[in-house]
Protein backbone atom coordinates (compact mmCIF):
# COMPACT_ATOMS: atom_id res chain seq x y z
CA MET A 1 70.84 112.63 107.79
CA VAL A 2 70.32 110.96 111.18
CA PHE A 3 67.98 113.81 112.14
CA ASN A 4 65.93 113.49 108.94
CA ASP A 5 65.70 109.68 109.22
CA SER A 6 64.49 109.84 112.80
CA GLN A 7 62.14 112.78 112.17
CA ASN A 8 62.67 113.76 115.78
CA ILE A 9 65.46 115.91 117.24
CA THR A 10 65.36 114.10 120.60
CA LYS A 11 65.74 110.66 118.97
CA ALA A 12 68.42 111.98 116.65
CA ALA A 13 70.41 113.29 119.62
CA GLU A 14 70.12 109.90 121.38
CA ILE A 15 71.34 108.05 118.26
CA LEU A 16 74.30 110.41 117.91
CA GLY A 17 75.09 110.19 121.62
CA ILE A 18 74.84 113.96 122.26
CA THR A 19 72.39 116.21 124.07
CA GLN A 20 69.42 117.80 122.31
CA PRO A 21 70.73 121.39 122.83
CA ALA A 22 74.09 120.38 121.37
CA LEU A 23 72.41 118.93 118.27
CA SER A 24 70.21 122.01 117.85
CA LYS A 25 73.32 124.19 118.00
CA GLN A 26 75.05 122.07 115.35
CA LEU A 27 72.01 122.21 113.05
CA LYS A 28 71.88 126.01 113.32
CA ALA A 29 75.59 126.28 112.62
CA LEU A 30 75.17 124.00 109.60
CA GLU A 31 72.27 126.00 108.19
CA ALA A 32 74.22 129.24 108.60
CA LYS A 33 76.78 127.94 106.09
CA PHE A 34 74.26 127.83 103.23
CA PRO A 35 72.56 130.64 101.30
CA GLN A 36 69.19 128.89 101.51
CA PRO A 37 67.40 127.40 104.52
CA ILE A 38 67.86 123.69 105.05
CA PHE A 39 65.08 123.22 107.59
CA SER A 40 61.47 124.19 107.83
CA THR A 41 58.78 123.46 110.40
CA GLN A 42 55.66 121.36 110.09
CA GLY A 43 53.66 121.86 113.23
CA ARG A 44 56.13 121.13 116.01
CA ARG A 45 58.36 119.08 113.77
CA LYS A 46 61.47 120.36 112.04
CA ILE A 47 61.71 118.99 108.47
CA LEU A 48 64.03 119.42 105.52
CA THR A 49 63.28 122.02 102.87
CA PHE A 50 63.41 121.13 99.17
CA PHE A 51 67.00 122.43 99.14
CA GLY A 52 67.74 120.43 102.27
CA ARG A 53 66.33 117.21 100.78
CA ASP A 54 68.30 117.70 97.58
CA LEU A 55 71.49 118.32 99.56
CA GLN A 56 70.85 115.24 101.71
CA ASN A 57 70.31 112.98 98.68
CA ARG A 58 73.57 114.11 97.10
CA ILE A 59 75.57 113.68 100.33
CA LYS A 60 73.92 110.34 101.05
CA GLY A 61 74.99 109.08 97.63
CA GLN A 62 78.57 110.13 98.30
CA ILE A 63 78.59 108.48 101.73
CA GLY A 64 77.19 105.33 100.15
CA ASN A 65 80.09 105.33 97.72
CA ILE A 66 82.55 105.89 100.57
CA GLN A 67 81.09 102.98 102.54
CA GLU A 68 81.20 100.79 99.44
CA SER A 69 84.84 101.76 98.86
CA ILE A 70 85.70 100.92 102.47
CA GLN A 71 84.09 97.49 102.12
CA GLU A 72 85.92 96.89 98.85
CA SER A 73 89.25 97.84 100.48
CA LEU A 74 88.58 95.57 103.47
CA LEU A 75 87.79 92.69 101.12
CA LEU A 76 90.79 93.41 98.95
CA HIS A 77 93.25 93.34 101.85
CA SER A 78 91.71 90.32 103.55
CA ASP A 79 91.72 88.16 100.40
CA MET A 80 95.28 87.45 99.19
CA LYS A 81 94.04 86.56 95.71
CA GLN A 82 92.95 90.18 95.23
CA VAL A 83 96.18 91.73 96.54
CA LYS A 84 98.95 93.23 94.41
CA ILE A 85 102.38 93.43 96.04
CA ARG A 86 105.18 95.49 94.48
CA VAL A 87 108.71 94.33 95.29
CA SER A 88 111.64 96.64 94.64
CA GLY A 89 115.30 95.62 94.55
CA ARG A 90 118.32 94.48 92.54
CA GLN A 91 117.35 92.35 89.53
CA GLY A 92 119.41 89.34 90.57
CA VAL A 93 117.74 89.28 93.99
CA LEU A 94 114.29 89.72 92.44
CA ASP A 95 114.96 86.86 90.02
CA ARG A 96 115.73 84.53 92.89
CA ILE A 97 112.53 85.52 94.73
CA SER A 98 110.31 85.31 91.65
CA LYS A 99 111.35 81.70 91.00
CA LYS A 100 110.58 80.46 94.52
CA LEU A 101 108.00 82.73 96.15
CA GLU A 102 104.52 81.22 96.30
CA PHE A 103 101.84 83.90 96.63
CA GLN A 104 98.16 83.67 95.71
CA GLY A 105 97.94 87.33 94.71
CA THR A 106 99.84 89.32 92.10
CA LEU A 107 103.55 90.08 92.49
CA ILE A 108 105.07 93.00 90.59
CA PHE A 109 108.88 93.18 90.56
CA ASN A 110 110.63 96.51 89.95
CA GLU A 111 114.39 96.66 89.42
CA SER A 112 115.80 99.53 91.52
CA SER A 113 119.04 100.80 92.99
CA ASN A 114 119.46 100.79 96.77
CA GLN A 115 118.40 104.42 97.18
CA GLN A 116 115.50 103.92 94.78
CA VAL A 117 114.29 101.00 96.90
CA ILE A 118 114.05 103.22 99.97
CA ASP A 119 112.44 106.04 97.99
CA ASP A 120 109.90 103.60 96.52
CA LEU A 121 108.89 102.45 99.99
CA LEU A 122 108.67 105.94 101.47
CA CYS A 123 106.64 107.21 98.49
CA MET A 124 104.42 104.08 98.54
CA ARG A 125 105.51 102.92 95.10
CA ALA A 126 106.43 99.53 96.61
CA GLU A 127 105.29 97.40 99.54
CA ILE A 128 108.52 95.38 99.93
CA GLY A 129 112.10 96.41 99.26
CA ILE A 130 115.46 94.62 99.44
CA ALA A 131 118.58 96.75 99.86
CA HIS A 132 121.95 96.89 101.61
CA ASP A 133 121.56 100.50 102.76
CA PHE A 134 119.78 100.82 106.09
CA PRO A 135 116.95 103.37 105.81
CA ASN A 136 117.07 106.45 108.01
CA SER A 137 113.33 106.48 108.60
CA PHE A 138 111.03 105.53 111.47
CA ASN A 139 108.37 104.59 108.89
CA LEU A 140 110.27 101.53 107.69
CA VAL A 141 111.06 98.16 109.25
CA ALA A 142 114.36 96.51 108.27
CA LYS A 143 115.02 92.81 108.93
CA PRO A 144 118.30 91.00 108.09
CA LEU A 145 118.05 88.91 104.92
CA PHE A 146 121.52 87.78 103.78
CA LYS A 147 125.20 88.71 103.58
CA GLU A 148 126.41 89.32 100.06
CA GLU A 149 129.38 87.12 99.11
CA PHE A 150 131.05 86.80 95.72
CA LYS A 151 132.45 84.11 93.45
CA LEU A 152 134.49 83.94 90.27
CA VAL A 153 132.63 82.19 87.44
CA ILE A 154 134.83 81.05 84.56
CA PRO A 155 133.82 79.19 81.39
CA LYS A 156 135.73 75.89 81.28
CA LYS A 157 136.92 76.66 77.74
CA PHE A 158 139.08 79.46 79.22
CA LEU A 159 140.38 77.42 82.17
CA LEU A 160 140.94 73.70 81.66
CA LYS A 161 140.82 72.82 85.34
CA SER A 162 139.64 74.63 88.45
CA LYS A 163 142.11 76.49 90.63
CA LYS A 164 141.99 78.03 94.07
CA TYR A 165 141.55 81.78 94.37
CA GLY A 166 144.91 83.54 94.18
CA LYS A 167 147.58 85.24 92.05
CA SER A 168 148.24 82.16 89.94
CA LEU A 169 144.59 82.06 88.91
CA PHE A 170 144.53 85.74 87.99
CA GLU A 171 147.67 85.41 85.90
CA GLU A 172 145.73 82.97 83.72
CA LEU A 173 142.54 85.03 83.76
CA LYS A 174 144.43 88.01 82.31
CA LEU A 175 144.59 86.08 79.04
CA SER A 176 140.82 85.53 78.78
CA PRO A 177 137.92 87.97 78.10
CA CYS A 178 136.35 89.48 81.21
CA ILE A 179 132.80 90.76 81.78
CA GLY A 180 132.47 93.76 84.08
CA PHE A 181 129.65 95.04 86.26
CA LYS A 182 129.36 98.75 85.40
CA ALA A 183 132.25 100.86 84.09
CA GLU A 184 133.75 101.11 87.58
CA ASP A 185 133.44 97.57 88.93
CA GLU A 186 134.48 98.13 92.55
CA ILE A 187 134.52 94.42 93.38
CA LEU A 188 136.67 93.56 90.38
CA ASN A 189 139.00 96.46 91.24
CA GLN A 190 139.45 95.09 94.76
CA LEU A 191 140.25 91.61 93.44
CA CYS A 192 142.84 93.04 91.04
CA THR A 193 144.49 94.97 93.88
CA ASP A 194 144.45 91.87 96.09
CA ASN A 195 146.22 89.88 93.37
CA SER A 196 148.77 92.59 92.46
CA ILE A 197 147.55 93.26 88.94
CA SER A 198 146.10 96.32 87.25
CA LYS A 199 142.57 96.25 85.90
CA SER A 200 143.98 97.66 82.65
CA GLN A 201 145.72 94.32 82.18
CA LEU A 202 142.35 92.55 81.94
CA GLN A 203 140.71 91.91 78.58
CA MET A 204 137.39 93.66 79.22
CA SER A 205 135.01 92.34 76.56
CA ARG A 206 131.62 93.42 77.89
CA ILE A 207 130.20 95.74 80.59
CA THR A 208 126.66 95.73 81.94
CA SER A 209 124.90 97.29 84.92
CA ASN A 210 122.97 94.14 85.78
CA TYR A 211 124.52 91.19 87.64
CA SER A 212 121.91 88.80 86.21
CA SER A 213 123.03 89.81 82.72
CA VAL A 214 126.65 89.21 83.72
CA ALA A 215 125.80 85.65 84.81
CA LYS A 216 123.94 85.00 81.53
CA MET A 217 126.91 86.26 79.51
CA VAL A 218 129.22 83.90 81.40
CA ASP A 219 126.83 81.02 80.65
CA ALA A 220 126.94 82.05 76.99
CA GLY A 221 130.73 81.77 77.08
CA PHE A 222 131.50 85.46 76.47
CA GLY A 223 133.98 85.67 79.32
CA TRP A 224 134.66 85.21 83.03
CA ALA A 225 133.33 87.48 85.80
CA VAL A 226 132.90 88.03 89.51
CA ILE A 227 129.24 87.86 90.62
CA PRO A 228 127.24 87.59 93.86
CA SER A 229 127.09 84.04 95.23
CA TYR A 230 123.29 83.94 95.16
CA LEU A 231 123.32 83.99 91.33
CA GLU A 232 123.48 80.64 89.57
CA VAL A 233 125.42 79.58 86.47
CA ASP A 234 125.63 76.28 84.62
CA LEU A 235 128.27 74.30 86.53
CA LYS A 236 128.64 71.84 83.68
CA ARG A 237 130.11 74.60 81.53
CA ASN A 238 131.67 76.88 84.15
CA TRP A 239 133.97 76.79 87.15
CA SER A 240 132.67 78.49 90.30
CA ILE A 241 135.42 79.66 92.66
CA PRO A 242 134.41 81.44 95.91
CA VAL A 243 136.15 84.67 96.83
CA PRO A 244 137.50 84.37 100.41
CA LEU A 245 135.51 86.38 102.93
CA GLU A 246 138.61 88.22 104.16
CA VAL A 247 139.23 89.65 100.67
CA LEU A 248 135.96 91.55 100.41
CA THR A 249 133.82 93.22 103.05
CA SER A 250 130.44 91.52 102.71
CA ARG A 251 127.42 93.82 102.54
CA LYS A 252 124.39 93.00 104.65
CA PHE A 253 121.09 93.02 102.77
CA SER A 254 117.79 93.62 104.56
CA ILE A 255 114.15 93.19 103.67
CA LEU A 256 112.32 96.50 104.14
CA TYR A 257 108.65 97.40 104.49
CA ARG A 258 106.42 100.02 106.09
CA HIS A 259 105.46 99.70 109.77
CA GLU A 260 101.72 99.52 109.10
CA PHE A 261 102.09 96.15 107.34
CA SER A 262 103.41 94.55 110.54
CA LYS A 263 99.82 93.93 111.68
CA THR A 264 98.76 92.14 108.49
CA PRO A 265 99.04 88.33 108.95
CA TRP A 266 99.36 87.38 105.26
CA PHE A 267 101.98 90.09 104.74
CA ASN A 268 104.07 88.68 107.59
CA ASP A 269 103.79 85.27 105.90
CA ILE A 270 105.31 86.74 102.71
CA ILE A 271 108.19 88.24 104.71
CA LYS A 272 108.86 84.88 106.37
CA GLU A 273 108.78 83.10 103.01
CA ILE A 274 111.26 85.55 101.44
CA LYS A 275 113.57 85.19 104.43
CA GLY A 276 113.32 81.40 104.04
CA ILE A 277 114.39 81.65 100.39
CA PHE A 278 117.65 83.26 101.54
CA GLY A 279 118.00 80.96 104.55
CA SER A 280 117.64 83.72 107.14
């Protein structure tokens, strides 16, 4: 196309920054790939044949579309209002972010398990992930976000006054309905062991795989539960009793994203804002 626009092989070579013999060799190699001649001569000038002109017009249209797409992408990623960011993580964590994160573009939240978060990032199904499993990949950046701690949340109708964490408290809780996180609630199992009771002694009334749902059920008065400290319940209707740090090994959550986003200023601003929400 540069050759045809310049109508001169010497000028075309100068524009492309190569020697005239090198350009001539490339043109011959190009023509050899087609069943019909691309070039013809008009006096001393080399011009495009009808086939060559038709081919040029089609390619030029495609290149125009490519250039237009590049400009659109540059505009999209320089203007936050046009950007869509997908955030993958545990629902309770996403709920906390969605309430406080201020972003001019579009935020899409996808509830995912820890391994799904990492898979989403590696497969480019998400731009930001929050998980407690550190990714084994050089493609991802992981920055500390928060340590997960737990608390007992108990409707006041089941416990007339607040008590400190301990065996005495659990002896009373055995008599009230309990809400579990998944069928095998590891955290609840640990608390039962720590307080010398069997989980079978608890009155399991409901089980869900979502901590946010657990908190809502407690607020609705369906039972007591153990939930992450970052989740909120109505303190007018419920007691909130922290689980001592020495009882449970706290998991460290990180905010994850792909390396290439590190050079994008507005993306770094989002990361800082999310870290600020969790006080890190």
